[in-house]
N, C-alpha and C. Protein backbone atom coordinates (compact mmCIF):
# COMPACT_ATOMS: atom_id res chain seq x y z
N MET A 1 54.66 101.45 111.99
CA MET A 1 54.72 102.37 110.86
C MET A 1 55.74 103.46 111.16
N VAL A 2 56.61 103.72 110.21
CA VAL A 2 57.62 104.75 110.39
C VAL A 2 57.20 106.02 109.67
N ASP A 3 57.66 107.15 110.20
CA ASP A 3 57.39 108.43 109.54
C ASP A 3 58.16 108.54 108.24
N ARG A 4 59.45 108.22 108.30
CA ARG A 4 60.30 108.31 107.11
C ARG A 4 61.22 107.10 107.04
N LEU A 5 61.45 106.66 105.83
CA LEU A 5 62.43 105.61 105.56
C LEU A 5 63.60 106.31 104.88
N LEU A 6 64.74 106.38 105.57
CA LEU A 6 65.89 107.13 105.09
C LEU A 6 67.00 106.16 104.69
N ALA A 7 67.34 106.12 103.42
CA ALA A 7 68.39 105.24 102.92
C ALA A 7 69.64 106.05 102.62
N ILE A 8 70.77 105.58 103.12
CA ILE A 8 72.06 106.25 102.93
C ILE A 8 73.01 105.25 102.29
N GLY A 9 73.59 105.63 101.17
CA GLY A 9 74.49 104.72 100.47
C GLY A 9 75.93 105.18 100.45
N ASP A 10 76.83 104.23 100.44
CA ASP A 10 78.25 104.43 100.15
C ASP A 10 78.88 105.61 100.88
N ILE A 11 78.98 105.50 102.17
CA ILE A 11 79.60 106.53 103.00
C ILE A 11 81.12 106.56 102.79
N HIS A 12 81.72 105.40 102.64
CA HIS A 12 83.15 105.24 102.36
C HIS A 12 84.05 106.09 103.25
N GLY A 13 83.80 106.06 104.55
CA GLY A 13 84.71 106.72 105.49
C GLY A 13 84.68 108.23 105.48
N CYS A 14 83.67 108.81 104.88
CA CYS A 14 83.57 110.28 104.78
C CYS A 14 82.69 110.81 105.91
N LEU A 15 83.31 110.99 107.07
CA LEU A 15 82.58 111.37 108.28
C LEU A 15 81.90 112.73 108.14
N THR A 16 82.57 113.72 107.61
CA THR A 16 81.98 115.05 107.51
C THR A 16 80.71 115.02 106.67
N ALA A 17 80.74 114.31 105.55
CA ALA A 17 79.55 114.20 104.70
C ALA A 17 78.42 113.50 105.45
N LEU A 18 78.74 112.44 106.19
CA LEU A 18 77.73 111.73 106.96
C LEU A 18 77.13 112.63 108.04
N GLU A 19 77.98 113.36 108.74
CA GLU A 19 77.49 114.28 109.78
C GLU A 19 76.58 115.35 109.18
N LEU A 20 76.97 115.92 108.05
CA LEU A 20 76.15 116.95 107.40
C LEU A 20 74.81 116.39 106.95
N LEU A 21 74.82 115.18 106.40
CA LEU A 21 73.58 114.55 105.96
C LEU A 21 72.65 114.32 107.14
N LEU A 22 73.17 113.75 108.21
CA LEU A 22 72.34 113.48 109.39
C LEU A 22 71.84 114.78 110.02
N GLU A 23 72.66 115.81 110.00
CA GLU A 23 72.22 117.11 110.51
C GLU A 23 71.07 117.66 109.67
N LYS A 24 71.14 117.44 108.37
CA LYS A 24 70.10 117.95 107.46
C LYS A 24 68.78 117.19 107.63
N VAL A 25 68.83 115.87 107.71
CA VAL A 25 67.59 115.08 107.76
C VAL A 25 67.07 114.88 109.18
N GLN A 26 67.93 115.08 110.19
CA GLN A 26 67.51 114.99 111.60
C GLN A 26 66.65 113.74 111.87
N PRO A 27 67.22 112.53 111.74
CA PRO A 27 66.41 111.34 112.00
C PRO A 27 65.95 111.28 113.45
N THR A 28 64.74 110.74 113.64
CA THR A 28 64.16 110.60 114.97
C THR A 28 63.83 109.14 115.24
N SER A 29 63.33 108.87 116.42
CA SER A 29 62.96 107.50 116.78
C SER A 29 61.76 107.00 115.98
N ARG A 30 61.09 107.89 115.27
CA ARG A 30 59.95 107.48 114.43
C ARG A 30 60.37 107.18 112.99
N ASP A 31 61.65 107.36 112.68
CA ASP A 31 62.17 107.09 111.35
C ASP A 31 62.88 105.73 111.33
N GLN A 32 63.11 105.23 110.14
CA GLN A 32 63.96 104.05 109.95
C GLN A 32 65.11 104.48 109.05
N VAL A 33 66.34 104.34 109.55
CA VAL A 33 67.53 104.67 108.77
C VAL A 33 68.16 103.36 108.29
N ILE A 34 68.37 103.28 106.98
CA ILE A 34 69.02 102.11 106.40
C ILE A 34 70.28 102.57 105.69
N VAL A 35 71.41 102.03 106.11
CA VAL A 35 72.68 102.33 105.46
C VAL A 35 72.95 101.19 104.48
N LEU A 36 73.12 101.52 103.21
CA LEU A 36 73.16 100.53 102.14
C LEU A 36 74.54 99.93 101.90
N GLY A 37 75.38 99.90 102.92
CA GLY A 37 76.70 99.28 102.78
C GLY A 37 77.77 100.26 102.36
N ASP A 38 78.99 99.78 102.37
CA ASP A 38 80.19 100.56 102.05
C ASP A 38 80.35 101.77 102.96
N ILE A 39 80.30 101.50 104.25
CA ILE A 39 80.62 102.51 105.26
C ILE A 39 82.14 102.70 105.28
N VAL A 40 82.86 101.62 105.05
CA VAL A 40 84.32 101.60 105.20
C VAL A 40 85.03 101.84 103.87
N SER A 41 86.33 102.11 103.97
CA SER A 41 87.27 102.21 102.85
C SER A 41 87.22 103.54 102.12
N ARG A 42 88.37 103.91 101.64
CA ARG A 42 88.60 105.09 100.80
C ARG A 42 88.68 106.40 101.56
N GLY A 43 87.66 106.78 102.30
CA GLY A 43 87.67 108.06 103.01
C GLY A 43 88.62 108.03 104.20
N LEU A 44 88.79 109.18 104.82
CA LEU A 44 89.80 109.32 105.87
C LEU A 44 89.32 108.99 107.27
N ASP A 45 88.01 108.73 107.47
CA ASP A 45 87.57 108.50 108.85
C ASP A 45 86.52 107.40 108.97
N THR A 46 86.89 106.21 108.53
CA THR A 46 86.01 105.05 108.72
C THR A 46 85.70 104.86 110.20
N ARG A 47 86.71 104.98 111.04
CA ARG A 47 86.49 104.79 112.48
C ARG A 47 85.41 105.75 112.98
N GLY A 48 85.50 107.02 112.62
CA GLY A 48 84.51 107.99 113.04
C GLY A 48 83.12 107.67 112.52
N CYS A 49 83.04 107.19 111.28
CA CYS A 49 81.73 106.82 110.70
C CYS A 49 81.11 105.67 111.48
N ILE A 50 81.90 104.65 111.76
CA ILE A 50 81.38 103.50 112.50
C ILE A 50 80.95 103.92 113.90
N GLU A 51 81.77 104.71 114.56
CA GLU A 51 81.41 105.15 115.92
C GLU A 51 80.14 106.00 115.91
N LEU A 52 79.99 106.87 114.91
CA LEU A 52 78.78 107.68 114.81
C LEU A 52 77.55 106.80 114.59
N LEU A 53 77.65 105.81 113.72
CA LEU A 53 76.51 104.93 113.45
C LEU A 53 76.20 104.04 114.66
N MET A 54 77.23 103.59 115.36
CA MET A 54 76.99 102.79 116.56
C MET A 54 76.26 103.61 117.62
N GLU A 55 76.61 104.87 117.74
CA GLU A 55 75.92 105.77 118.68
C GLU A 55 74.51 106.08 118.19
N LEU A 56 74.36 106.32 116.90
CA LEU A 56 73.05 106.66 116.33
C LEU A 56 72.03 105.55 116.58
N GLN A 57 72.48 104.29 116.52
CA GLN A 57 71.55 103.18 116.71
C GLN A 57 70.97 103.14 118.13
N ASN A 58 71.55 103.89 119.05
CA ASN A 58 71.00 103.99 120.40
C ASN A 58 69.83 104.95 120.48
N HIS A 59 69.62 105.72 119.41
CA HIS A 59 68.60 106.77 119.44
C HIS A 59 67.54 106.65 118.35
N VAL A 60 67.90 106.02 117.24
CA VAL A 60 66.95 105.87 116.13
C VAL A 60 67.04 104.45 115.59
N PRO A 61 65.96 103.94 115.01
CA PRO A 61 66.05 102.63 114.36
C PRO A 61 67.04 102.70 113.19
N LEU A 62 68.10 101.94 113.28
CA LEU A 62 69.18 101.96 112.29
C LEU A 62 69.50 100.54 111.88
N LEU A 63 69.64 100.34 110.58
CA LEU A 63 70.06 99.05 110.05
C LEU A 63 71.12 99.31 109.00
N CYS A 64 72.28 98.71 109.18
CA CYS A 64 73.35 98.82 108.19
C CYS A 64 73.43 97.51 107.42
N LEU A 65 73.47 97.60 106.10
CA LEU A 65 73.59 96.43 105.25
C LEU A 65 75.04 96.17 104.89
N MET A 66 75.32 94.92 104.57
CA MET A 66 76.66 94.53 104.16
C MET A 66 76.93 95.05 102.75
N GLY A 67 78.07 95.69 102.59
CA GLY A 67 78.54 96.11 101.27
C GLY A 67 79.79 95.34 100.91
N ASN A 68 80.22 95.46 99.68
CA ASN A 68 81.42 94.72 99.27
C ASN A 68 82.66 95.17 100.04
N HIS A 69 82.73 96.44 100.44
CA HIS A 69 83.91 96.88 101.19
C HIS A 69 83.91 96.34 102.62
N GLU A 70 82.74 96.16 103.23
CA GLU A 70 82.70 95.50 104.54
C GLU A 70 83.10 94.03 104.41
N GLU A 71 82.60 93.37 103.38
CA GLU A 71 82.99 91.97 103.17
C GLU A 71 84.49 91.86 102.95
N PHE A 72 85.02 92.77 102.15
CA PHE A 72 86.45 92.81 101.88
C PHE A 72 87.23 92.99 103.18
N MET A 73 86.77 93.89 104.03
CA MET A 73 87.44 94.16 105.31
C MET A 73 87.40 92.93 106.21
N LEU A 74 86.25 92.27 106.28
CA LEU A 74 86.13 91.06 107.10
C LEU A 74 87.05 89.96 106.58
N ASP A 75 87.12 89.80 105.25
CA ASP A 75 88.02 88.80 104.67
C ASP A 75 89.47 89.13 104.98
N ALA A 76 89.81 90.42 104.96
CA ALA A 76 91.18 90.87 105.18
C ALA A 76 91.67 90.57 106.59
N ARG A 77 90.74 90.49 107.52
CA ARG A 77 91.11 90.24 108.91
C ARG A 77 91.83 88.91 109.08
N ASP A 78 91.43 87.91 108.30
CA ASP A 78 91.95 86.56 108.48
C ASP A 78 92.76 86.02 107.31
N ASP A 79 92.95 86.83 106.28
CA ASP A 79 93.59 86.34 105.06
C ASP A 79 94.58 87.39 104.55
N ASP A 80 95.86 87.06 104.59
CA ASP A 80 96.90 88.02 104.20
C ASP A 80 96.77 88.46 102.74
N ILE A 81 96.39 87.54 101.86
CA ILE A 81 96.25 87.91 100.44
C ILE A 81 95.07 88.86 100.27
N ALA A 82 93.94 88.55 100.90
CA ALA A 82 92.78 89.45 100.84
C ALA A 82 93.12 90.79 101.46
N CYS A 83 93.92 90.77 102.52
CA CYS A 83 94.31 92.01 103.19
C CYS A 83 95.12 92.90 102.25
N GLY A 84 96.05 92.31 101.53
CA GLY A 84 96.84 93.08 100.58
C GLY A 84 95.98 93.74 99.51
N SER A 85 95.02 93.00 98.99
CA SER A 85 94.11 93.56 97.98
C SER A 85 93.25 94.66 98.58
N TRP A 86 92.72 94.40 99.77
CA TRP A 86 91.84 95.39 100.41
C TRP A 86 92.60 96.68 100.72
N LEU A 87 93.84 96.56 101.19
CA LEU A 87 94.64 97.76 101.47
C LEU A 87 94.77 98.62 100.22
N TYR A 88 94.93 97.98 99.08
CA TYR A 88 95.07 98.71 97.81
C TYR A 88 93.76 99.41 97.43
N PHE A 89 92.63 98.80 97.71
CA PHE A 89 91.32 99.34 97.31
C PHE A 89 90.63 100.13 98.43
N GLY A 90 91.38 100.81 99.25
CA GLY A 90 90.80 101.69 100.26
C GLY A 90 90.96 101.25 101.68
N GLY A 91 91.45 100.04 101.89
CA GLY A 91 91.63 99.55 103.24
C GLY A 91 92.70 100.29 104.02
N GLU A 92 93.71 100.78 103.32
CA GLU A 92 94.77 101.50 104.03
C GLU A 92 94.21 102.73 104.73
N GLU A 93 93.37 103.48 104.03
CA GLU A 93 92.75 104.66 104.64
C GLU A 93 91.90 104.27 105.85
N THR A 94 91.19 103.14 105.72
CA THR A 94 90.38 102.65 106.83
C THR A 94 91.25 102.39 108.05
N LEU A 95 92.32 101.65 107.87
CA LEU A 95 93.17 101.29 109.00
C LEU A 95 93.91 102.49 109.57
N LEU A 96 94.30 103.42 108.73
CA LEU A 96 94.95 104.63 109.23
C LEU A 96 94.03 105.43 110.14
N SER A 97 92.73 105.35 109.90
CA SER A 97 91.78 106.08 110.76
C SER A 97 91.74 105.51 112.17
N TYR A 98 92.28 104.31 112.36
CA TYR A 98 92.33 103.69 113.69
C TYR A 98 93.64 103.98 114.41
N ASP A 99 94.53 104.72 113.79
CA ASP A 99 95.78 105.13 114.43
C ASP A 99 95.68 106.61 114.75
N PRO A 100 95.73 106.99 116.03
CA PRO A 100 95.56 108.40 116.40
C PRO A 100 96.54 109.34 115.72
N GLU A 101 97.69 108.83 115.33
CA GLU A 101 98.67 109.67 114.65
C GLU A 101 98.61 109.51 113.14
N TYR A 102 97.67 108.70 112.66
CA TYR A 102 97.47 108.47 111.23
C TYR A 102 98.78 108.11 110.54
N ALA A 103 99.52 107.19 111.19
CA ALA A 103 100.85 106.86 110.68
C ALA A 103 101.01 105.38 110.32
N GLU A 104 100.25 104.50 110.95
CA GLU A 104 100.47 103.07 110.75
C GLU A 104 99.15 102.34 110.52
N ALA A 105 99.05 101.69 109.36
CA ALA A 105 97.84 100.94 109.00
C ALA A 105 97.97 99.51 109.53
N ARG A 106 97.29 99.23 110.66
CA ARG A 106 97.36 97.89 111.26
C ARG A 106 95.95 97.40 111.55
N ILE A 107 95.64 96.23 111.04
CA ILE A 107 94.30 95.66 111.23
C ILE A 107 94.03 95.37 112.70
N GLU A 108 95.09 95.16 113.48
CA GLU A 108 94.94 94.88 114.91
C GLU A 108 94.41 96.08 115.68
N ASN A 109 94.46 97.26 115.09
CA ASN A 109 93.98 98.47 115.77
C ASN A 109 92.46 98.61 115.75
N VAL A 110 91.79 97.81 114.93
CA VAL A 110 90.32 97.90 114.85
C VAL A 110 89.73 97.24 116.10
N PRO A 111 88.93 97.97 116.88
CA PRO A 111 88.36 97.40 118.10
C PRO A 111 87.39 96.25 117.80
N GLU A 112 87.34 95.30 118.71
CA GLU A 112 86.44 94.15 118.55
C GLU A 112 84.99 94.60 118.39
N THR A 113 84.60 95.66 119.07
CA THR A 113 83.21 96.15 118.95
C THR A 113 82.90 96.59 117.52
N HIS A 114 83.90 97.10 116.81
CA HIS A 114 83.68 97.50 115.41
C HIS A 114 83.55 96.27 114.52
N TRP A 115 84.38 95.24 114.78
CA TRP A 115 84.24 93.99 114.02
C TRP A 115 82.86 93.40 114.24
N GLU A 116 82.40 93.37 115.49
CA GLU A 116 81.09 92.81 115.80
C GLU A 116 79.97 93.60 115.13
N PHE A 117 80.10 94.92 115.12
CA PHE A 117 79.12 95.77 114.45
C PHE A 117 79.03 95.42 112.97
N ILE A 118 80.18 95.33 112.30
CA ILE A 118 80.20 95.02 110.87
C ILE A 118 79.67 93.61 110.61
N GLU A 119 80.05 92.65 111.45
CA GLU A 119 79.58 91.27 111.28
C GLU A 119 78.06 91.16 111.42
N SER A 120 77.45 92.11 112.09
CA SER A 120 75.99 92.04 112.30
C SER A 120 75.19 92.50 111.09
N PHE A 121 75.84 93.04 110.06
CA PHE A 121 75.12 93.58 108.92
C PHE A 121 74.50 92.46 108.09
N PRO A 122 73.19 92.52 107.83
CA PRO A 122 72.57 91.55 106.93
C PRO A 122 72.88 91.90 105.47
N ASP A 123 72.62 90.94 104.58
CA ASP A 123 72.87 91.15 103.15
C ASP A 123 71.79 92.00 102.49
N TYR A 124 70.57 91.94 103.00
CA TYR A 124 69.48 92.73 102.44
C TYR A 124 68.44 92.97 103.52
N TYR A 125 67.51 93.85 103.22
CA TYR A 125 66.43 94.17 104.16
C TYR A 125 65.16 94.37 103.36
N GLU A 126 64.07 93.79 103.84
CA GLU A 126 62.78 93.92 103.16
C GLU A 126 61.78 94.66 104.04
N THR A 127 61.01 95.53 103.41
CA THR A 127 59.85 96.13 104.04
C THR A 127 58.63 95.58 103.30
N GLU A 128 57.48 96.12 103.60
CA GLU A 128 56.26 95.67 102.93
C GLU A 128 56.31 95.91 101.42
N HIS A 129 56.99 96.99 101.02
CA HIS A 129 56.98 97.38 99.61
C HIS A 129 58.35 97.45 98.94
N GLU A 130 59.44 97.33 99.72
CA GLU A 130 60.77 97.52 99.16
C GLU A 130 61.73 96.42 99.59
N ILE A 131 62.77 96.28 98.77
CA ILE A 131 63.93 95.46 99.11
C ILE A 131 65.14 96.38 99.03
N PHE A 132 65.92 96.41 100.10
CA PHE A 132 67.13 97.23 100.15
C PHE A 132 68.34 96.31 100.11
N VAL A 133 69.32 96.69 99.30
CA VAL A 133 70.51 95.88 99.11
C VAL A 133 71.63 96.80 98.63
N HIS A 134 72.88 96.42 98.89
CA HIS A 134 73.99 97.23 98.40
C HIS A 134 74.20 97.04 96.90
N GLY A 135 74.13 95.81 96.45
CA GLY A 135 74.46 95.50 95.07
C GLY A 135 73.26 95.18 94.21
N MET A 136 73.12 93.92 93.84
CA MET A 136 72.13 93.52 92.85
C MET A 136 71.16 92.49 93.42
N VAL A 137 69.95 92.53 92.92
CA VAL A 137 68.94 91.50 93.19
C VAL A 137 68.43 91.03 91.84
N ASP A 138 68.38 89.73 91.64
CA ASP A 138 67.77 89.19 90.43
C ASP A 138 66.26 89.29 90.59
N PRO A 139 65.58 90.06 89.73
CA PRO A 139 64.15 90.26 89.92
C PRO A 139 63.31 89.01 89.67
N ASP A 140 63.92 87.99 89.06
CA ASP A 140 63.16 86.79 88.70
C ASP A 140 63.37 85.62 89.64
N LEU A 141 64.13 85.81 90.71
CA LEU A 141 64.38 84.73 91.67
C LEU A 141 63.99 85.16 93.08
N PRO A 142 63.41 84.24 93.86
CA PRO A 142 63.19 84.56 95.28
C PRO A 142 64.53 84.89 95.94
N LEU A 143 64.51 85.78 96.90
CA LEU A 143 65.75 86.19 97.56
C LEU A 143 66.49 85.01 98.18
N THR A 144 65.75 84.06 98.70
CA THR A 144 66.38 82.90 99.36
C THR A 144 67.10 81.98 98.38
N GLU A 145 66.85 82.13 97.09
CA GLU A 145 67.49 81.29 96.08
C GLU A 145 68.64 82.01 95.37
N GLN A 146 68.97 83.20 95.80
CA GLN A 146 70.00 83.99 95.12
C GLN A 146 71.35 83.83 95.80
N ASP A 147 72.39 84.02 95.01
CA ASP A 147 73.76 84.01 95.53
C ASP A 147 73.96 85.30 96.32
N THR A 148 74.24 85.18 97.61
CA THR A 148 74.36 86.38 98.45
C THR A 148 75.52 87.27 98.02
N ALA A 149 76.48 86.74 97.29
CA ALA A 149 77.57 87.58 96.78
C ALA A 149 77.02 88.66 95.86
N ASP A 150 75.96 88.35 95.13
CA ASP A 150 75.35 89.36 94.24
C ASP A 150 74.84 90.55 95.04
N PHE A 151 74.35 90.31 96.24
CA PHE A 151 73.79 91.39 97.07
C PHE A 151 74.86 92.43 97.42
N CYS A 152 76.11 92.00 97.47
CA CYS A 152 77.20 92.92 97.85
C CYS A 152 78.08 93.34 96.69
N TRP A 153 78.31 92.45 95.75
CA TRP A 153 79.39 92.65 94.79
C TRP A 153 78.96 93.05 93.39
N HIS A 154 77.75 92.76 92.99
CA HIS A 154 77.36 93.04 91.61
C HIS A 154 76.51 94.29 91.50
N LYS A 155 76.75 95.02 90.43
CA LYS A 155 76.01 96.26 90.22
C LYS A 155 74.61 95.97 89.71
N PHE A 156 73.69 96.77 90.15
CA PHE A 156 72.29 96.64 89.78
C PHE A 156 72.13 97.00 88.31
N THR A 157 71.56 96.08 87.52
CA THR A 157 71.41 96.33 86.09
C THR A 157 69.97 96.23 85.61
N ASP A 158 69.09 95.72 86.43
CA ASP A 158 67.71 95.48 86.01
C ASP A 158 66.77 96.22 86.94
N VAL A 159 66.06 97.21 86.43
CA VAL A 159 65.23 98.06 87.28
C VAL A 159 63.78 97.59 87.40
N ARG A 160 63.51 96.39 86.97
CA ARG A 160 62.15 95.85 87.12
C ARG A 160 61.85 95.56 88.59
N LEU A 161 60.56 95.54 88.91
CA LEU A 161 60.14 95.11 90.24
C LEU A 161 60.58 93.66 90.47
N HIS A 162 60.88 93.35 91.70
CA HIS A 162 61.18 91.97 92.07
C HIS A 162 59.91 91.14 91.91
N LEU A 163 60.05 89.85 91.67
CA LEU A 163 58.86 88.99 91.48
C LEU A 163 57.90 89.05 92.66
N SER A 164 58.37 89.49 93.81
CA SER A 164 57.51 89.67 94.98
C SER A 164 56.62 90.90 94.85
N GLY A 165 56.87 91.71 93.80
CA GLY A 165 56.14 92.96 93.63
C GLY A 165 56.79 94.14 94.32
N LYS A 166 57.92 93.88 94.98
CA LYS A 166 58.60 94.94 95.73
C LYS A 166 59.59 95.69 94.85
N GLN A 167 59.72 96.97 95.13
CA GLN A 167 60.72 97.82 94.46
C GLN A 167 62.08 97.55 95.10
N VAL A 168 63.11 97.43 94.28
CA VAL A 168 64.47 97.22 94.79
C VAL A 168 65.19 98.55 94.80
């Protein structure tokens, strides 16, 4: 049993905002912190956000979910066309955060430990009473029968309880 369930959404590389939020809520080892995806892209310090969360997981129960921007980043690593699109939609800021002089956006600058951290993100997380996801869950289908792309890419449009009785 956890004291508090803390959900954080759409950090988008905004390290100062993340630091201020964590300072305010002061998570402990008795809490569960769930990051609802989109840690990367757009903001100026994706690298700092990832490093802070990697360090935080050593002290508090932390689970980061896959968001569409993490999926986009993973696709960009191996696909030049996806990389071009991702750079346009916030990836350039992400990669610049990996250059100490903030001058050159290169995917090769992302450390392997950061790739492994992002690859470890599940698509959703369930507790006894809730389902956490970055995007959408179809309330009328079991989670195992849903297209996982919906969990990351589609906006939530139906606020009904999931057929499991859990709040999304």
